[in-house]
Every structure is written in C-alpha cells, then in structure tokens.
N, C-alpha and C. Protein backbone atom coordinates (compact mmCIF):
# COMPACT_ATOMS: atom_id res chain seq x y z
N UNK A 1 151.48 37.24 80.13
CA UNK A 1 151.66 37.95 81.33
C UNK A 1 150.84 39.24 81.28
N UNK A 2 150.12 39.56 82.38
CA UNK A 2 149.25 40.73 82.45
C UNK A 2 150.06 41.98 82.73
N UNK A 3 149.62 43.01 82.08
CA UNK A 3 150.32 44.28 82.28
C UNK A 3 149.90 44.89 83.60
N UNK A 4 150.83 45.50 84.24
CA UNK A 4 150.52 46.18 85.47
C UNK A 4 150.00 47.57 85.15
N UNK A 5 149.01 47.99 85.92
CA UNK A 5 148.48 49.34 85.76
C UNK A 5 149.46 50.31 86.38
N UNK A 6 149.66 51.41 85.67
CA UNK A 6 150.56 52.40 86.28
C UNK A 6 149.90 53.01 87.51
N UNK A 7 150.68 53.35 88.45
CA UNK A 7 150.17 53.93 89.69
C UNK A 7 149.59 55.31 89.39
N UNK A 8 148.39 55.54 89.88
CA UNK A 8 147.77 56.85 89.65
C UNK A 8 148.16 57.78 90.77
N UNK A 9 148.39 58.99 90.36
CA UNK A 9 148.73 59.98 91.36
C UNK A 9 147.45 60.52 91.97
N UNK A 10 147.47 60.69 93.24
CA UNK A 10 146.29 61.27 93.88
C UNK A 10 146.30 62.77 93.63
N UNK A 11 145.09 63.34 93.57
CA UNK A 11 144.97 64.77 93.32
C UNK A 11 145.52 65.53 94.52
N UNK A 12 146.20 66.61 94.24
CA UNK A 12 146.73 67.37 95.37
C UNK A 12 145.59 68.00 96.14
N UNK A 13 145.68 67.98 97.41
CA UNK A 13 144.64 68.55 98.27
C UNK A 13 144.81 70.07 98.29
N UNK A 14 143.66 70.78 98.27
CA UNK A 14 143.78 72.23 98.31
C UNK A 14 144.34 72.66 99.66
N UNK A 15 145.03 73.76 99.60
CA UNK A 15 145.64 74.26 100.84
C UNK A 15 144.55 74.68 101.80
N UNK A 16 144.78 74.45 103.07
CA UNK A 16 143.80 74.82 104.07
C UNK A 16 143.78 76.34 104.20
N UNK A 17 142.56 76.86 104.36
CA UNK A 17 142.42 78.29 104.54
C UNK A 17 142.78 78.64 105.98
N UNK A 18 143.27 79.80 106.14
CA UNK A 18 143.52 80.21 107.52
C UNK A 18 142.19 80.35 108.26
N UNK A 19 142.20 80.14 109.53
CA UNK A 19 140.99 80.18 110.34
C UNK A 19 140.35 81.56 110.30
N UNK A 20 141.12 82.61 110.27
CA UNK A 20 140.59 83.96 110.25
C UNK A 20 139.78 84.21 108.98
N UNK A 21 140.28 83.75 107.86
CA UNK A 21 139.59 83.96 106.58
C UNK A 21 138.26 83.21 106.58
N UNK A 22 138.22 82.01 107.12
CA UNK A 22 136.99 81.22 107.17
C UNK A 22 135.96 81.92 108.06
N UNK A 23 136.41 82.44 109.20
CA UNK A 23 135.48 83.12 110.10
C UNK A 23 134.94 84.40 109.45
N UNK A 24 135.78 85.09 108.73
CA UNK A 24 135.36 86.32 108.07
C UNK A 24 134.31 86.02 107.00
N UNK A 25 134.48 84.92 106.30
CA UNK A 25 133.53 84.54 105.26
C UNK A 25 132.17 84.20 105.88
N UNK A 26 132.18 83.46 106.97
CA UNK A 26 130.94 83.09 107.66
C UNK A 26 130.26 84.35 108.18
N UNK A 27 131.03 85.27 108.74
CA UNK A 27 130.46 86.52 109.25
C UNK A 27 129.84 87.34 108.12
N UNK A 28 130.47 87.35 106.97
CA UNK A 28 129.95 88.09 105.83
C UNK A 28 128.62 87.49 105.36
N UNK A 29 128.53 86.17 105.36
CA UNK A 29 127.28 85.51 104.95
C UNK A 29 126.17 85.85 105.93
N UNK A 30 126.47 85.86 107.22
CA UNK A 30 125.46 86.16 108.23
C UNK A 30 124.97 87.59 108.09
N UNK A 31 125.88 88.53 107.87
CA UNK A 31 125.47 89.92 107.75
C UNK A 31 124.66 90.13 106.47
N UNK A 32 124.99 89.41 105.41
CA UNK A 32 124.23 89.51 104.16
C UNK A 32 122.82 88.96 104.35
N UNK A 33 122.70 87.85 105.07
CA UNK A 33 121.36 87.28 105.28
C UNK A 33 120.54 88.18 106.20
N UNK A 34 121.18 88.84 107.18
CA UNK A 34 120.46 89.78 108.03
C UNK A 34 119.97 90.96 107.22
N UNK A 35 120.78 91.44 106.31
CA UNK A 35 120.40 92.57 105.47
C UNK A 35 119.20 92.21 104.60
N UNK A 36 119.19 90.99 104.07
CA UNK A 36 118.06 90.55 103.26
C UNK A 36 116.79 90.48 104.09
N UNK A 37 116.90 89.97 105.33
CA UNK A 37 115.74 89.86 106.19
C UNK A 37 115.18 91.23 106.54
N UNK A 38 116.05 92.19 106.81
CA UNK A 38 115.56 93.52 107.17
C UNK A 38 114.93 94.21 105.97
N UNK A 39 115.43 93.96 104.77
CA UNK A 39 114.82 94.55 103.58
C UNK A 39 113.47 93.91 103.29
N UNK A 40 113.30 92.65 103.59
CA UNK A 40 112.07 91.95 103.28
C UNK A 40 110.94 92.33 104.24
N UNK A 41 111.27 92.75 105.45
CA UNK A 41 110.25 93.10 106.42
C UNK A 41 109.54 94.38 106.03
N UNK A 42 108.25 94.43 106.33
CA UNK A 42 107.50 95.65 106.12
C UNK A 42 107.82 96.60 107.26
N UNK A 43 107.79 97.88 106.98
CA UNK A 43 108.07 98.81 108.06
C UNK A 43 106.97 98.74 109.12
N UNK A 44 107.36 98.84 110.35
CA UNK A 44 106.41 98.77 111.44
C UNK A 44 105.62 100.07 111.49
N UNK A 45 104.30 99.95 111.49
CA UNK A 45 103.45 101.13 111.54
C UNK A 45 103.19 101.49 113.00
N UNK A 46 103.07 102.77 113.27
CA UNK A 46 102.77 103.15 114.65
C UNK A 46 101.33 102.77 115.00
N UNK A 47 101.05 102.74 116.26
CA UNK A 47 99.71 102.40 116.74
C UNK A 47 98.73 103.49 116.32
N UNK A 48 97.53 103.11 115.84
CA UNK A 48 96.54 104.12 115.43
C UNK A 48 96.12 104.97 116.62
N UNK A 49 95.83 106.25 116.34
CA UNK A 49 95.42 107.15 117.40
C UNK A 49 93.91 107.28 117.50
N UNK A 50 93.18 106.68 116.55
CA UNK A 50 91.72 106.66 116.61
C UNK A 50 91.25 105.24 116.36
N UNK A 51 90.04 104.95 116.77
CA UNK A 51 89.49 103.60 116.57
C UNK A 51 88.91 103.50 115.17
N UNK A 52 88.62 102.26 114.77
CA UNK A 52 88.01 102.03 113.47
C UNK A 52 86.56 102.46 113.44
N UNK A 53 85.95 102.59 114.61
CA UNK A 53 84.54 102.98 114.70
C UNK A 53 84.34 104.49 114.76
N UNK A 54 85.43 105.23 114.64
CA UNK A 54 85.34 106.70 114.67
C UNK A 54 84.53 107.19 113.48
N UNK A 55 83.61 108.11 113.73
CA UNK A 55 82.75 108.65 112.67
C UNK A 55 83.54 109.64 111.82
N UNK A 56 83.43 109.47 110.50
CA UNK A 56 84.19 110.31 109.58
C UNK A 56 83.72 111.77 109.61
N UNK A 57 82.42 111.99 109.80
CA UNK A 57 81.95 113.36 109.77
C UNK A 57 82.47 114.16 110.97
N UNK A 58 82.84 113.47 112.05
CA UNK A 58 83.45 114.17 113.19
C UNK A 58 84.92 114.49 112.93
N UNK A 59 85.61 113.57 112.24
CA UNK A 59 87.02 113.80 111.93
C UNK A 59 87.21 114.89 110.88
N UNK A 60 86.28 115.01 109.96
CA UNK A 60 86.41 115.93 108.83
C UNK A 60 85.32 116.99 108.88
N UNK A 61 85.12 117.59 110.04
CA UNK A 61 84.08 118.61 110.20
C UNK A 61 84.26 119.77 109.23
N UNK A 62 85.49 120.25 109.08
CA UNK A 62 85.74 121.44 108.28
C UNK A 62 85.97 121.13 106.80
N UNK A 63 86.09 119.87 106.43
CA UNK A 63 86.41 119.51 105.04
C UNK A 63 85.15 119.05 104.32
N UNK A 64 84.47 120.01 103.69
CA UNK A 64 83.21 119.73 103.01
C UNK A 64 83.40 118.72 101.88
N UNK A 65 84.45 118.88 101.09
CA UNK A 65 84.66 117.99 99.94
C UNK A 65 84.92 116.55 100.38
N UNK A 66 85.67 116.37 101.45
CA UNK A 66 85.90 115.02 101.95
C UNK A 66 84.58 114.39 102.40
N UNK A 67 83.75 115.17 103.06
CA UNK A 67 82.45 114.62 103.50
C UNK A 67 81.57 114.26 102.31
N UNK A 68 81.68 115.02 101.22
CA UNK A 68 80.92 114.68 100.02
C UNK A 68 81.39 113.35 99.45
N UNK A 69 82.68 113.12 99.49
CA UNK A 69 83.23 111.84 99.01
C UNK A 69 82.72 110.70 99.88
N UNK A 70 82.69 110.89 101.19
CA UNK A 70 82.19 109.84 102.09
C UNK A 70 80.73 109.54 101.80
N UNK A 71 79.94 110.58 101.53
CA UNK A 71 78.53 110.35 101.17
C UNK A 71 78.41 109.57 99.87
N UNK A 72 79.24 109.94 98.89
CA UNK A 72 79.20 109.25 97.60
C UNK A 72 79.57 107.78 97.76
N UNK A 73 80.58 107.50 98.58
CA UNK A 73 81.02 106.12 98.79
C UNK A 73 80.12 105.35 99.77
N UNK A 74 79.24 106.09 100.44
CA UNK A 74 78.34 105.50 101.44
C UNK A 74 79.12 104.84 102.58
N UNK A 75 80.09 105.59 103.11
CA UNK A 75 80.87 105.11 104.26
C UNK A 75 80.65 106.08 105.42
N UNK A 76 80.65 105.54 106.63
CA UNK A 76 80.42 106.38 107.81
C UNK A 76 81.56 106.31 108.81
N UNK A 77 82.28 105.19 108.85
CA UNK A 77 83.33 105.03 109.84
C UNK A 77 84.69 104.88 109.15
N UNK A 78 85.73 105.04 109.96
CA UNK A 78 87.09 104.90 109.44
C UNK A 78 87.30 103.50 108.89
N UNK A 79 86.78 102.50 109.59
CA UNK A 79 86.94 101.11 109.14
C UNK A 79 86.29 100.89 107.77
N UNK A 80 85.12 101.51 107.54
CA UNK A 80 84.47 101.39 106.23
C UNK A 80 85.34 102.03 105.14
N UNK A 81 85.92 103.17 105.45
CA UNK A 81 86.74 103.88 104.47
C UNK A 81 88.03 103.14 104.17
N UNK A 82 88.59 102.46 105.15
CA UNK A 82 89.85 101.74 104.96
C UNK A 82 89.72 100.57 103.99
N UNK A 83 88.53 100.19 103.64
CA UNK A 83 88.33 99.09 102.69
C UNK A 83 88.68 99.51 101.26
N UNK A 84 88.77 100.82 101.02
CA UNK A 84 89.04 101.34 99.69
C UNK A 84 90.50 101.78 99.58
N UNK A 85 91.08 101.57 98.40
CA UNK A 85 92.40 102.10 98.11
C UNK A 85 92.25 103.48 97.48
N UNK A 86 93.29 104.29 97.49
CA UNK A 86 93.18 105.63 96.91
C UNK A 86 92.84 105.62 95.42
N UNK A 87 93.43 104.70 94.67
CA UNK A 87 93.13 104.62 93.23
C UNK A 87 91.68 104.21 92.99
N UNK A 88 91.19 103.31 93.83
CA UNK A 88 89.80 102.86 93.68
C UNK A 88 88.83 104.00 93.97
N UNK A 89 89.13 104.83 94.96
CA UNK A 89 88.26 105.97 95.29
C UNK A 89 88.22 106.93 94.10
N UNK A 90 89.37 107.24 93.54
CA UNK A 90 89.42 108.16 92.40
C UNK A 90 88.66 107.58 91.22
N UNK A 91 88.82 106.28 91.00
CA UNK A 91 88.13 105.63 89.87
C UNK A 91 86.61 105.68 90.07
N UNK A 92 86.16 105.41 91.28
CA UNK A 92 84.71 105.44 91.55
C UNK A 92 84.15 106.86 91.43
N UNK A 93 84.92 107.85 91.86
CA UNK A 93 84.45 109.23 91.80
C UNK A 93 84.45 109.77 90.38
N UNK A 94 85.38 109.34 89.56
CA UNK A 94 85.49 109.90 88.21
C UNK A 94 84.60 109.18 87.20
N UNK A 95 84.11 108.00 87.52
CA UNK A 95 83.30 107.25 86.56
C UNK A 95 82.06 108.03 86.09
N UNK A 96 81.28 108.65 87.00
CA UNK A 96 80.12 109.41 86.51
C UNK A 96 80.51 110.58 85.60
N UNK A 97 81.63 111.20 85.86
CA UNK A 97 82.09 112.31 85.02
C UNK A 97 82.44 111.81 83.63
N UNK A 98 83.17 110.72 83.57
CA UNK A 98 83.57 110.15 82.27
C UNK A 98 82.33 109.75 81.47
N UNK A 99 81.36 109.14 82.13
CA UNK A 99 80.14 108.75 81.44
C UNK A 99 79.37 109.96 80.94
N UNK A 100 79.34 111.04 81.72
CA UNK A 100 78.64 112.26 81.30
C UNK A 100 79.32 112.88 80.09
N UNK A 101 80.64 112.92 80.08
CA UNK A 101 81.36 113.49 78.94
C UNK A 101 81.12 112.64 77.69
N UNK A 102 81.07 111.33 77.85
CA UNK A 102 80.78 110.45 76.70
C UNK A 102 79.37 110.74 76.14
N UNK A 103 78.40 110.97 77.02
CA UNK A 103 77.05 111.30 76.55
C UNK A 103 77.04 112.64 75.81
N UNK A 104 77.80 113.59 76.32
CA UNK A 104 77.88 114.90 75.67
C UNK A 104 78.50 114.74 74.28
N UNK A 105 79.58 113.99 74.18
CA UNK A 105 80.24 113.78 72.88
C UNK A 105 79.29 113.12 71.89
N UNK A 106 78.57 112.10 72.36
CA UNK A 106 77.65 111.38 71.47
C UNK A 106 76.53 112.29 70.99
N UNK A 107 75.94 113.06 71.91
CA UNK A 107 74.83 113.94 71.54
C UNK A 107 75.28 115.01 70.56
N UNK A 108 76.47 115.59 70.77
CA UNK A 108 76.98 116.58 69.83
C UNK A 108 77.27 115.94 68.47
N UNK A 109 77.81 114.73 68.47
CA UNK A 109 78.12 114.05 67.22
C UNK A 109 76.84 113.74 66.44
N UNK A 110 75.75 113.47 67.14
CA UNK A 110 74.47 113.23 66.45
C UNK A 110 74.01 114.48 65.70
N UNK A 111 74.43 115.64 66.17
CA UNK A 111 74.06 116.91 65.53
C UNK A 111 75.19 117.45 64.66
N UNK A 112 76.15 116.56 64.32
CA UNK A 112 77.30 116.92 63.50
C UNK A 112 78.14 118.04 64.12
N UNK A 113 78.29 118.01 65.41
CA UNK A 113 79.11 118.98 66.14
C UNK A 113 80.12 118.20 66.97
N UNK A 114 81.16 118.88 67.44
CA UNK A 114 82.17 118.20 68.25
C UNK A 114 82.84 119.16 69.22
N UNK A 115 83.48 118.61 70.21
CA UNK A 115 84.28 119.38 71.16
C UNK A 115 85.61 119.72 70.51
N UNK A 116 86.35 120.63 71.10
CA UNK A 116 87.64 121.05 70.55
C UNK A 116 88.59 119.86 70.42
N UNK A 117 89.13 119.64 69.23
CA UNK A 117 90.08 118.56 68.99
C UNK A 117 89.46 117.18 68.97
N UNK A 118 88.15 117.09 68.83
CA UNK A 118 87.45 115.80 68.91
C UNK A 118 86.84 115.41 67.56
N UNK A 119 87.47 115.84 66.48
CA UNK A 119 86.92 115.58 65.16
C UNK A 119 86.93 114.08 64.82
N UNK A 120 87.95 113.37 65.28
CA UNK A 120 88.04 111.93 64.98
C UNK A 120 86.86 111.17 65.57
N UNK A 121 86.43 111.57 66.75
CA UNK A 121 85.27 110.92 67.38
C UNK A 121 84.02 111.16 66.52
N UNK A 122 83.86 112.39 66.05
CA UNK A 122 82.71 112.73 65.20
C UNK A 122 82.73 111.88 63.94
N UNK A 123 83.89 111.76 63.32
CA UNK A 123 84.00 110.97 62.09
C UNK A 123 83.65 109.51 62.37
N UNK A 124 84.12 108.97 63.49
CA UNK A 124 83.82 107.58 63.86
C UNK A 124 82.33 107.36 64.08
N UNK A 125 81.67 108.30 64.74
CA UNK A 125 80.22 108.17 64.98
C UNK A 125 79.46 108.24 63.67
N UNK A 126 79.89 109.13 62.78
CA UNK A 126 79.22 109.25 61.48
C UNK A 126 79.38 107.96 60.67
N UNK A 127 80.55 107.33 60.74
CA UNK A 127 80.75 106.06 60.03
C UNK A 127 79.83 104.98 60.58
N UNK A 128 79.70 104.94 61.91
CA UNK A 128 78.82 103.93 62.53
C UNK A 128 77.37 104.15 62.10
N UNK A 129 76.94 105.39 61.98
CA UNK A 129 75.57 105.69 61.60
C UNK A 129 75.28 105.27 60.17
N UNK A 130 76.28 105.37 59.29
CA UNK A 130 76.09 105.01 57.87
C UNK A 130 76.01 103.51 57.67
N UNK A 131 76.61 102.76 58.52
CA UNK A 131 76.65 101.30 58.34
C UNK A 131 75.41 100.65 58.78
C-alpha cells in the first residue's frame, strides 16, 4: 500500500498594505526620480549678449595684457577664443617661460653655477657630462 503524502500548508500571504502607505511610497519614488533628473541637468546659461564674431580688440580696448594674450594665441574673435579652455591658455602662455628657464639652468650648469636651491640639477648635469 502506498503512503499518502502529508498535506502541505500553503505559505501565509503577506498582509495587504493600506492604500495610503502604497500611495506615499509611489510619491516618494517619483520625487526621488525628479530630484535625480534635476541634479543631472546642466544649469541653463543665459543668452549671450555679444555675437561670436565680435572682435576681441574692441571688447578689451583698455586691457593691454589681454590683447597681448590674444595676439600670442592668434585669435581675433570671441568664437576663436572660445575654442580654448582656461587651463590650456595658461599652459600655452607659460611654455616659453618654462623652456627659457630650462635653458638658463642648463647654461649655468655648464659653467658649474646654479640658481638658488638648484644644486641637485647641477649635480645631475655634471653626472650626465661625465658619462
């Protein structure tokens, strides 16, 4: 004779949530997703007050140093200038200075002289010359 399987109990169903709690949860999710969307958006920029074809020398009549930078970068209009980032402009402007200082250091090191606090550079150049 075959054994009968014992009757299995069904799992108790979870209690139903009140309607108010469910609506509050949905509302919280919506407000959280709206907050994420607003954080992800870039801030809206105001409309430009000058055109991209505006000449830089007219905008910066009184600023001699700015005009020198524009000459160095070989830009004439606002649109040309907007192609550069601020860090890139500083890097391009400082490169000739850095190269000049390196030439000065090398020339002084060739004569066994150095700038203040630059003894390690002199020692390094002297080692290279001996090898």
